[in-house]
Amino acid sequence: MKLNNKRTILVGLAFMSISAFWQVYDGIIPLILKNTFNVNEVLAGAVMALDNVLALFLLPVFGSLSDRTHTRMGRRMPYIVVGTVLASIAIVLVPIGDHVYSLPLFIVGLGLALLAMSSYRSPAVALMPDVTPKPLRSKGNAIINLMGAVGGITMLILIKVLIPKTDHPSYLPVFAVLIVFMLVCVGVLFFTVNEPRAVKQMQAESRAMGIEEEVASEEVLAQEAASKTQKMPADVARSLKFLLASIFLWFMGYNAITTAFSKYAN
């Protein structure tokens, strides 16, 4: 059984739009805080950490909510579509606040955009496993990460091209392109991937591969919740701790670099 590359690429459009957003966020927001509002390094660092603080609390919440959501659009798609639209609307306030030197408007827009992004990051990441049989998920994850890299690189190039070398450049063109990019990515995903149908195809592919069919039902969720009360084997628990620690350290180093990079690279 081969991975459905076309479907995986289309599903990866959600992660591509997310990566594009964070590339602009990490590249532009520190510059606005420093050059427009003269925010000191400590406070700027606190502002840039807001997304991680929100993610700590909201990603598990919305991930769990999407697990228990059942609509004609599917479990993940409503969060992806609505979250993208809300984030696109909110992010408009950021360059406007910068342009008119309004820190309150900038903070409101940034806060709303971060909340909207947090509402669909987990569902977007969960969509690929939902439509991909277990043995093929590693390959699927590679394609998803590649799509994310393409989104980030695309925005990085556009930032270089669209931002003039002036004391107070307008970031409106960059954010306008970002909004269009996000909406197009999610629009293509929505109109080309029928989530419920893709899940049924995954279940059929799983049966053809001779592995247990995955069904997201209330009964299954209850069984998973009950299994969590069982004690994890010591070697498995140790491996899990090391895995989580490595992910934590990787993201801590990555965010430390990307958050301040644009302030010193210009």
C-alpha atoms as a PDB file:
ATOM      1  CA  MET A   1       0.000   0.000   0.000  1.00  0.00           C
ATOM      2  CA  LYS A   2       1.406   3.353  -1.052  1.00  0.00           C
ATOM      3  CA  LEU A   3       0.811   6.714   0.556  1.00  0.00           C
ATOM      4  CA  ASN A   4      -1.778   8.853  -1.200  1.00  0.00           C
ATOM      5  CA  ASN A   5       0.647  11.672  -1.967  1.00  0.00           C
ATOM      6  CA  LYS A   6      -1.924  13.927  -3.590  1.00  0.00           C
ATOM      7  CA  ARG A   7      -4.262  13.766  -0.609  1.00  0.00           C
ATOM      8  CA  THR A   8      -1.388  14.240   1.826  1.00  0.00           C
ATOM      9  CA  ILE A   9      -0.135  17.315  -0.030  1.00  0.00           C
ATOM     10  CA  LEU A  10      -3.619  18.804  -0.031  1.00  0.00           C
ATOM     11  CA  VAL A  11      -3.991  18.102   3.689  1.00  0.00           C
ATOM     12  CA  GLY A  12      -0.577  19.728   4.187  1.00  0.00           C
ATOM     13  CA  LEU A  13      -1.927  23.021   2.882  1.00  0.00           C
ATOM     14  CA  ALA A  14      -3.320  23.702   6.362  1.00  0.00           C
ATOM     15  CA  PHE A  15       0.133  23.362   7.923  1.00  0.00           C
ATOM     16  CA  MET A  16       1.632  25.378   5.074  1.00  0.00           C
ATOM     17  CA  SER A  17      -0.662  28.304   5.924  1.00  0.00           C
ATOM     18  CA  ILE A  18       0.243  28.001   9.604  1.00  0.00           C
ATOM     19  CA  SER A  19       3.974  28.014   8.872  1.00  0.00           C
ATOM     20  CA  ALA A  20       3.539  31.045   6.618  1.00  0.00           C
ATOM     21  CA  PHE A  21       1.801  32.893   9.446  1.00  0.00           C
ATOM     22  CA  TRP A  22       4.551  32.124  11.953  1.00  0.00           C
ATOM     23  CA  GLN A  23       7.268  33.133   9.516  1.00  0.00           C
ATOM     24  CA  VAL A  24       5.693  36.574   9.160  1.00  0.00           C
ATOM     25  CA  TYR A  25       4.968  36.724  12.884  1.00  0.00           C
ATOM     26  CA  ASP A  26       8.575  35.930  13.875  1.00  0.00           C
ATOM     27  CA  GLY A  27      10.028  38.120  11.149  1.00  0.00           C
ATOM     28  CA  ILE A  28       7.886  41.250  11.414  1.00  0.00           C
ATOM     29  CA  ILE A  29       6.456  41.565  14.937  1.00  0.00           C
ATOM     30  CA  PRO A  30       9.869  42.027  16.648  1.00  0.00           C
ATOM     31  CA  LEU A  31      10.696  44.810  14.178  1.00  0.00           C
ATOM     32  CA  ILE A  32       7.417  46.610  14.864  1.00  0.00           C
ATOM     33  CA  LEU A  33       7.918  46.343  18.615  1.00  0.00           C
ATOM     34  CA  LYS A  34      11.463  47.674  18.356  1.00  0.00           C
ATOM     35  CA  ASN A  35      11.264  50.306  15.608  1.00  0.00           C
ATOM     36  CA  THR A  36       7.688  51.594  15.845  1.00  0.00           C
ATOM     37  CA  PHE A  37       6.830  51.348  19.539  1.00  0.00           C
ATOM     38  CA  ASN A  38      10.359  51.388  21.041  1.00  0.00           C
ATOM     39  CA  VAL A  39       9.535  48.441  23.298  1.00  0.00           C
ATOM     40  CA  ASN A  40      12.491  47.278  25.384  1.00  0.00           C
ATOM     41  CA  GLU A  41      13.967  43.824  24.911  1.00  0.00           C
ATOM     42  CA  VAL A  42      12.421  42.311  28.043  1.00  0.00           C
ATOM     43  CA  LEU A  43       8.888  43.436  27.223  1.00  0.00           C
ATOM     44  CA  ALA A  44       9.316  42.518  23.564  1.00  0.00           C
ATOM     45  CA  GLY A  45      10.388  39.044  24.623  1.00  0.00           C
ATOM     46  CA  ALA A  46       7.279  38.763  26.786  1.00  0.00           C
ATOM     47  CA  VAL A  47       5.055  39.762  23.858  1.00  0.00           C
ATOM     48  CA  MET A  48       6.762  37.284  21.563  1.00  0.00           C
ATOM     49  CA  ALA A  49       6.251  34.543  24.139  1.00  0.00           C
ATOM     50  CA  LEU A  50       2.472  35.055  24.198  1.00  0.00           C
ATOM     51  CA  ASP A  51       1.890  32.540  21.432  1.00  0.00           C
ATOM     52  CA  ASN A  52       3.690  29.833  23.391  1.00  0.00           C
ATOM     53  CA  VAL A  53       1.811  30.664  26.584  1.00  0.00           C
ATOM     54  CA  LEU A  54      -1.518  30.516  24.773  1.00  0.00           C
ATOM     55  CA  ALA A  55      -0.503  27.316  23.015  1.00  0.00           C
ATOM     56  CA  LEU A  56       0.294  25.679  26.347  1.00  0.00           C
ATOM     57  CA  PHE A  57      -3.328  26.036  27.429  1.00  0.00           C
ATOM     58  CA  LEU A  58      -5.361  26.260  24.230  1.00  0.00           C
ATOM     59  CA  LEU A  59      -3.840  23.632  21.940  1.00  0.00           C
ATOM     60  CA  PRO A  60      -4.867  20.704  24.177  1.00  0.00           C
ATOM     61  CA  VAL A  61      -8.308  22.234  24.645  1.00  0.00           C
ATOM     62  CA  PHE A  62      -9.065  22.668  20.947  1.00  0.00           C
ATOM     63  CA  GLY A  63      -7.417  19.360  20.110  1.00  0.00           C
ATOM     64  CA  SER A  64      -9.729  17.621  22.549  1.00  0.00           C
ATOM     65  CA  LEU A  65     -12.742  19.567  21.298  1.00  0.00           C
ATOM     66  CA  SER A  66     -12.049  18.580  17.712  1.00  0.00           C
ATOM     67  CA  ASP A  67     -11.727  14.923  18.781  1.00  0.00           C
ATOM     68  CA  ARG A  68     -15.313  15.112  20.006  1.00  0.00           C
ATOM     69  CA  THR A  69     -16.708  17.176  17.141  1.00  0.00           C
ATOM     70  CA  HIS A  70     -18.900  15.486  14.554  1.00  0.00           C
ATOM     71  CA  THR A  71     -20.200  17.583  11.649  1.00  0.00           C
ATOM     72  CA  ARG A  72     -20.923  17.123   7.965  1.00  0.00           C
ATOM     73  CA  MET A  73     -17.603  18.879   7.327  1.00  0.00           C
ATOM     74  CA  GLY A  74     -15.767  16.445   9.582  1.00  0.00           C
ATOM     75  CA  ARG A  75     -14.034  16.817  12.930  1.00  0.00           C
ATOM     76  CA  ARG A  76     -11.053  19.009  12.017  1.00  0.00           C
ATOM     77  CA  MET A  77     -12.238  21.016   9.019  1.00  0.00           C
ATOM     78  CA  PRO A  78     -14.626  23.374  10.889  1.00  0.00           C
ATOM     79  CA  TYR A  79     -11.812  24.496  13.184  1.00  0.00           C
ATOM     80  CA  ILE A  80      -9.362  24.896  10.314  1.00  0.00           C
ATOM     81  CA  VAL A  81     -11.727  26.956   8.158  1.00  0.00           C
ATOM     82  CA  VAL A  82     -13.174  29.166  10.908  1.00  0.00           C
ATOM     83  CA  GLY A  83      -9.807  29.615  12.615  1.00  0.00           C
ATOM     84  CA  THR A  84      -8.116  30.672   9.382  1.00  0.00           C
ATOM     85  CA  VAL A  85     -10.847  33.198   8.552  1.00  0.00           C
ATOM     86  CA  LEU A  86     -10.769  34.709  12.058  1.00  0.00           C
ATOM     87  CA  ALA A  87      -6.969  34.883  12.068  1.00  0.00           C
ATOM     88  CA  SER A  88      -6.997  36.568   8.639  1.00  0.00           C
ATOM     89  CA  ILE A  89      -9.438  39.197   9.865  1.00  0.00           C
ATOM     90  CA  ALA A  90      -7.595  39.861  13.122  1.00  0.00           C
ATOM     91  CA  ILE A  91      -4.117  40.057  11.622  1.00  0.00           C
ATOM     92  CA  VAL A  92      -5.170  43.046   9.487  1.00  0.00           C
ATOM     93  CA  LEU A  93      -5.150  45.164  12.653  1.00  0.00           C
ATOM     94  CA  VAL A  94      -1.442  44.529  13.216  1.00  0.00           C
ATOM     95  CA  PRO A  95      -0.008  46.474  10.232  1.00  0.00           C
ATOM     96  CA  ILE A  96      -2.728  49.119  10.627  1.00  0.00           C
ATOM     97  CA  GLY A  97      -1.721  49.643  14.258  1.00  0.00           C
ATOM     98  CA  ASP A  98       1.887  49.915  13.161  1.00  0.00           C
ATOM     99  CA  HIS A  99       1.027  52.365  10.378  1.00  0.00           C
ATOM    100  CA  VAL A 100      -0.929  54.729  12.653  1.00  0.00           C
ATOM    101  CA  TYR A 101       1.419  54.234  15.650  1.00  0.00           C
ATOM    102  CA  SER A 102      -1.388  52.782  17.785  1.00  0.00           C
ATOM    103  CA  LEU A 103       0.004  50.301  20.293  1.00  0.00           C
ATOM    104  CA  PRO A 104      -3.461  49.342  21.674  1.00  0.00           C
ATOM    105  CA  LEU A 105      -4.746  48.532  18.171  1.00  0.00           C
ATOM    106  CA  PHE A 106      -1.597  46.544  17.461  1.00  0.00           C
ATOM    107  CA  ILE A 107      -1.889  44.526  20.695  1.00  0.00           C
ATOM    108  CA  VAL A 108      -5.605  43.831  20.171  1.00  0.00           C
ATOM    109  CA  GLY A 109      -5.007  42.618  16.625  1.00  0.00           C
ATOM    110  CA  LEU A 110      -2.053  40.504  17.695  1.00  0.00           C
ATOM    111  CA  GLY A 111      -3.933  38.972  20.618  1.00  0.00           C
ATOM    112  CA  LEU A 112      -6.983  38.096  18.536  1.00  0.00           C
ATOM    113  CA  ALA A 113      -4.815  36.608  15.796  1.00  0.00           C
ATOM    114  CA  LEU A 114      -2.931  34.434  18.292  1.00  0.00           C
ATOM    115  CA  LEU A 115      -6.189  33.214  19.809  1.00  0.00           C
ATOM    116  CA  ALA A 116      -7.528  32.348  16.372  1.00  0.00           C
ATOM    117  CA  MET A 117      -4.332  30.530  15.418  1.00  0.00           C
ATOM    118  CA  SER A 118      -4.416  28.538  18.654  1.00  0.00           C
ATOM    119  CA  SER A 119      -7.947  27.393  17.871  1.00  0.00           C
ATOM    120  CA  TYR A 120      -6.967  25.382  14.816  1.00  0.00           C
ATOM    121  CA  ARG A 121      -3.299  24.433  15.074  1.00  0.00           C
ATOM    122  CA  SER A 122      -4.047  21.115  16.798  1.00  0.00           C
ATOM    123  CA  PRO A 123      -6.920  20.169  14.449  1.00  0.00           C
ATOM    124  CA  ALA A 124      -4.764  21.034  11.430  1.00  0.00           C
ATOM    125  CA  VAL A 125      -1.922  18.809  12.631  1.00  0.00           C
ATOM    126  CA  ALA A 126      -4.357  16.002  13.529  1.00  0.00           C
ATOM    127  CA  LEU A 127      -5.963  15.941  10.090  1.00  0.00           C
ATOM    128  CA  MET A 128      -3.138  14.015   8.419  1.00  0.00           C
ATOM    129  CA  PRO A 129      -3.209  11.048  10.854  1.00  0.00           C
ATOM    130  CA  ASP A 130      -7.004  11.004  10.570  1.00  0.00           C
ATOM    131  CA  VAL A 131      -6.818  10.285   6.841  1.00  0.00           C
ATOM    132  CA  THR A 132      -3.607   8.225   6.712  1.00  0.00           C
ATOM    133  CA  PRO A 133      -3.177   4.575   7.767  1.00  0.00           C
ATOM    134  CA  LYS A 134      -0.770   4.041  10.669  1.00  0.00           C
ATOM    135  CA  PRO A 135       2.118   2.452   8.728  1.00  0.00           C
ATOM    136  CA  LEU A 136       2.210   5.396   6.308  1.00  0.00           C
ATOM    137  CA  ARG A 137       2.072   8.245   8.800  1.00  0.00           C
ATOM    138  CA  SER A 138       5.835   8.736   9.006  1.00  0.00           C
ATOM    139  CA  LYS A 139       5.959   9.358   5.262  1.00  0.00           C
ATOM    140  CA  GLY A 140       2.884  11.550   5.554  1.00  0.00           C
ATOM    141  CA  ASN A 141       4.510  13.566   8.319  1.00  0.00           C
ATOM    142  CA  ALA A 142       7.562  14.141   6.120  1.00  0.00           C
ATOM    143  CA  ILE A 143       5.357  15.610   3.394  1.00  0.00           C
ATOM    144  CA  ILE A 144       3.495  17.766   5.923  1.00  0.00           C
ATOM    145  CA  ASN A 145       6.752  19.189   7.263  1.00  0.00           C
ATOM    146  CA  LEU A 146       7.961  19.814   3.728  1.00  0.00           C
ATOM    147  CA  MET A 147       4.776  21.752   3.012  1.00  0.00           C
ATOM    148  CA  GLY A 148       5.375  23.807   6.145  1.00  0.00           C
ATOM    149  CA  ALA A 149       8.916  24.588   5.014  1.00  0.00           C
ATOM    150  CA  VAL A 150       7.631  25.730   1.625  1.00  0.00           C
ATOM    151  CA  GLY A 151       5.175  28.077   3.323  1.00  0.00           C
ATOM    152  CA  GLY A 152       7.879  29.548   5.539  1.00  0.00           C
ATOM    153  CA  ILE A 153      10.357  29.996   2.695  1.00  0.00           C
ATOM    154  CA  THR A 154       7.708  31.606   0.508  1.00  0.00           C
ATOM    155  CA  MET A 155       6.928  34.213   3.148  1.00  0.00           C
ATOM    156  CA  LEU A 156      10.621  34.782   3.853  1.00  0.00           C
ATOM    157  CA  ILE A 157      11.223  35.612   0.190  1.00  0.00           C
ATOM    158  CA  LEU A 158       8.167  37.881   0.055  1.00  0.00           C
ATOM    159  CA  ILE A 159       9.294  39.734   3.186  1.00  0.00           C
ATOM    160  CA  LYS A 160      12.624  40.400   1.469  1.00  0.00           C
ATOM    161  CA  VAL A 161      10.941  41.579  -1.734  1.00  0.00           C
ATOM    162  CA  LEU A 162       7.992  43.581  -0.379  1.00  0.00           C
ATOM    163  CA  ILE A 163       9.542  45.500   2.536  1.00  0.00           C
ATOM    164  CA  PRO A 164      11.439  48.604   1.418  1.00  0.00           C
ATOM    165  CA  LYS A 165      14.636  49.683   3.152  1.00  0.00           C
ATOM    166  CA  THR A 166      13.263  52.727   4.958  1.00  0.00           C
ATOM    167  CA  ASP A 167      13.109  53.858   8.577  1.00  0.00           C
ATOM    168  CA  HIS A 168       9.408  53.035   8.908  1.00  0.00           C
ATOM    169  CA  PRO A 169       8.363  50.716   6.083  1.00  0.00           C
ATOM    170  CA  SER A 170       4.776  49.734   5.503  1.00  0.00           C
ATOM    171  CA  TYR A 171       4.118  46.097   6.345  1.00  0.00           C
ATOM    172  CA  LEU A 172       0.620  46.160   4.862  1.00  0.00           C
ATOM    173  CA  PRO A 173       1.662  44.484   1.569  1.00  0.00           C
ATOM    174  CA  VAL A 174       3.322  41.587   3.419  1.00  0.00           C
ATOM    175  CA  PHE A 175       0.301  40.989   5.642  1.00  0.00           C
ATOM    176  CA  ALA A 176      -2.059  41.330   2.681  1.00  0.00           C
ATOM    177  CA  VAL A 177      -0.137  38.635   0.796  1.00  0.00           C
ATOM    178  CA  LEU A 178      -0.080  36.494   3.930  1.00  0.00           C
ATOM    179  CA  ILE A 179      -3.854  36.723   4.303  1.00  0.00           C
ATOM    180  CA  VAL A 180      -4.441  35.806   0.664  1.00  0.00           C
ATOM    181  CA  PHE A 181      -1.947  32.959   0.951  1.00  0.00           C
ATOM    182  CA  MET A 182      -3.649  31.525   4.048  1.00  0.00           C
ATOM    183  CA  LEU A 183      -7.148  31.812   2.623  1.00  0.00           C
ATOM    184  CA  VAL A 184      -6.141  30.243  -0.703  1.00  0.00           C
ATOM    185  CA  CYS A 185      -4.372  27.334   1.018  1.00  0.00           C
ATOM    186  CA  VAL A 186      -7.318  26.534   3.261  1.00  0.00           C
ATOM    187  CA  GLY A 187      -9.815  27.207   0.454  1.00  0.00           C
ATOM    188  CA  VAL A 188      -8.108  24.658  -1.787  1.00  0.00           C
ATOM    189  CA  LEU A 189      -8.013  22.189   1.110  1.00  0.00           C
ATOM    190  CA  PHE A 190     -11.703  22.659   1.859  1.00  0.00           C
ATOM    191  CA  PHE A 191     -12.866  22.246  -1.736  1.00  0.00           C
ATOM    192  CA  THR A 192     -10.608  19.314  -2.633  1.00  0.00           C
ATOM    193  CA  VAL A 193     -10.593  17.181   0.535  1.00  0.00           C
ATOM    194  CA  ASN A 194     -13.859  15.828   1.873  1.00  0.00           C
ATOM    195  CA  GLU A 195     -12.765  14.933   5.392  1.00  0.00           C
ATOM    196  CA  PRO A 196     -15.482  12.360   6.218  1.00  0.00           C
ATOM    197  CA  ARG A 197     -14.952  10.638   2.879  1.00  0.00           C
ATOM    198  CA  ALA A 198     -11.166  10.695   3.329  1.00  0.00           C
ATOM    199  CA  VAL A 199     -11.531   9.130   6.779  1.00  0.00           C
ATOM    200  CA  LYS A 200     -13.650   6.326   5.323  1.00  0.00           C
ATOM    201  CA  GLN A 201     -11.023   5.787   2.625  1.00  0.00           C
ATOM    202  CA  MET A 202      -8.350   5.574   5.327  1.00  0.00           C
ATOM    203  CA  GLN A 203     -10.408   2.952   7.164  1.00  0.00           C
ATOM    204  CA  ALA A 204     -10.798   0.916   3.959  1.00  0.00           C
ATOM    205  CA  GLU A 205      -7.056   1.185   3.275  1.00  0.00           C
ATOM    206  CA  SER A 206      -6.335   0.098   6.847  1.00  0.00           C
ATOM    207  CA  ARG A 207      -8.520  -2.983   6.455  1.00  0.00           C
ATOM    208  CA  ALA A 208      -6.798  -3.784   3.159  1.00  0.00           C
ATOM    209  CA  MET A 209      -3.441  -3.637   4.957  1.00  0.00           C
ATOM    210  CA  GLY A 210      -4.723  -6.021   7.589  1.00  0.00           C
ATOM    211  CA  ILE A 211      -4.549  -3.582  10.485  1.00  0.00           C
ATOM    212  CA  GLU A 212      -7.246  -2.618  12.912  1.00  0.00           C
ATOM    213  CA  GLU A 213      -9.715  -0.086  11.580  1.00  0.00           C
ATOM    214  CA  GLU A 214      -9.636   3.240  13.348  1.00  0.00           C
ATOM    215  CA  VAL A 215     -13.011   4.660  14.255  1.00  0.00           C
ATOM    216  CA  ALA A 216     -13.326   7.866  16.269  1.00  0.00           C
ATOM    217  CA  SER A 217     -16.435   7.116  18.270  1.00  0.00           C
ATOM    218  CA  GLU A 218     -17.568   7.925  21.774  1.00  0.00           C
ATOM    219  CA  GLU A 219     -17.011   4.282  22.709  1.00  0.00           C
ATOM    220  CA  VAL A 220     -13.430   4.353  21.479  1.00  0.00           C
ATOM    221  CA  LEU A 221     -12.754   7.639  23.237  1.00  0.00           C
ATOM    222  CA  ALA A 222     -14.130   6.186  26.458  1.00  0.00           C
ATOM    223  CA  GLN A 223     -11.876   3.143  26.083  1.00  0.00           C
ATOM    224  CA  GLU A 224      -8.864   5.386  25.503  1.00  0.00           C
ATOM    225  CA  ALA A 225      -9.725   7.425  28.580  1.00  0.00           C
ATOM    226  CA  ALA A 226      -9.992   4.270  30.645  1.00  0.00           C
ATOM    227  CA  SER A 227      -6.658   2.980  29.363  1.00  0.00           C
ATOM    228  CA  LYS A 228      -4.959   6.151  30.597  1.00  0.00           C
ATOM    229  CA  THR A 229      -5.571   5.026  34.164  1.00  0.00           C
ATOM    230  CA  GLN A 230      -3.354   1.987  33.623  1.00  0.00           C
ATOM    231  CA  LYS A 231       0.246   2.370  34.729  1.00  0.00           C
ATOM    232  CA  MET A 232       2.714   2.842  31.899  1.00  0.00           C
ATOM    233  CA  PRO A 233       5.650   0.379  31.776  1.00  0.00           C
ATOM    234  CA  ALA A 234       8.861   1.877  33.179  1.00  0.00           C
ATOM    235  CA  ASP A 235      10.855   1.647  29.931  1.00  0.00           C
ATOM    236  CA  VAL A 236       8.016   3.220  27.933  1.00  0.00           C
ATOM    237  CA  ALA A 237       7.631   6.025  30.499  1.00  0.00           C
ATOM    238  CA  ARG A 238      11.369   6.707  30.379  1.00  0.00           C
ATOM    239  CA  SER A 239      11.371   6.855  26.589  1.00  0.00           C
ATOM    240  CA  LEU A 240       8.372   9.173  26.646  1.00  0.00           C
ATOM    241  CA  LYS A 241      10.108  11.540  29.062  1.00  0.00           C
ATOM    242  CA  PHE A 242      13.232  11.704  26.919  1.00  0.00           C
ATOM    243  CA  LEU A 243      11.137  12.263  23.803  1.00  0.00           C
ATOM    244  CA  LEU A 244       9.182  15.102  25.399  1.00  0.00           C
ATOM    245  CA  ALA A 245      12.403  16.640  26.765  1.00  0.00           C
ATOM    246  CA  SER A 246      14.023  16.589  23.324  1.00  0.00           C
ATOM    247  CA  ILE A 247      10.991  18.240  21.737  1.00  0.00           C
ATOM    248  CA  PHE A 248      10.914  20.860  24.511  1.00  0.00           C
ATOM    249  CA  LEU A 249      14.611  21.714  24.115  1.00  0.00           C
ATOM    250  CA  TRP A 250      14.364  21.801  20.323  1.00  0.00           C
ATOM    251  CA  PHE A 251      11.442  24.228  20.328  1.00  0.00           C
ATOM    252  CA  MET A 252      13.041  26.357  23.042  1.00  0.00           C
ATOM    253  CA  GLY A 253      16.210  26.783  20.955  1.00  0.00           C
ATOM    254  CA  TYR A 254      14.239  27.306  17.730  1.00  0.00           C
ATOM    255  CA  ASN A 255      12.042  30.011  19.238  1.00  0.00           C
ATOM    256  CA  ALA A 256      15.010  31.724  20.870  1.00  0.00           C
ATOM    257  CA  ILE A 257      16.644  32.091  17.455  1.00  0.00           C
ATOM    258  CA  THR A 258      13.661  32.981  15.297  1.00  0.00           C
ATOM    259  CA  THR A 259      12.174  35.470  17.759  1.00  0.00           C
ATOM    260  CA  ALA A 260      15.185  37.799  17.719  1.00  0.00           C
ATOM    261  CA  PHE A 261      16.728  36.978  14.366  1.00  0.00           C
ATOM    262  CA  SER A 262      15.034  39.673  12.297  1.00  0.00           C
ATOM    263  CA  LYS A 263      16.075  42.472  14.699  1.00  0.00           C
ATOM    264  CA  TYR A 264      19.757  41.767  14.086  1.00  0.00           C
ATOM    265  CA  ALA A 265      19.626  40.501  10.522  1.00  0.00           C
ATOM    266  CA  ASN A 266      18.478  43.841   9.072  1.00  0.00           C
END
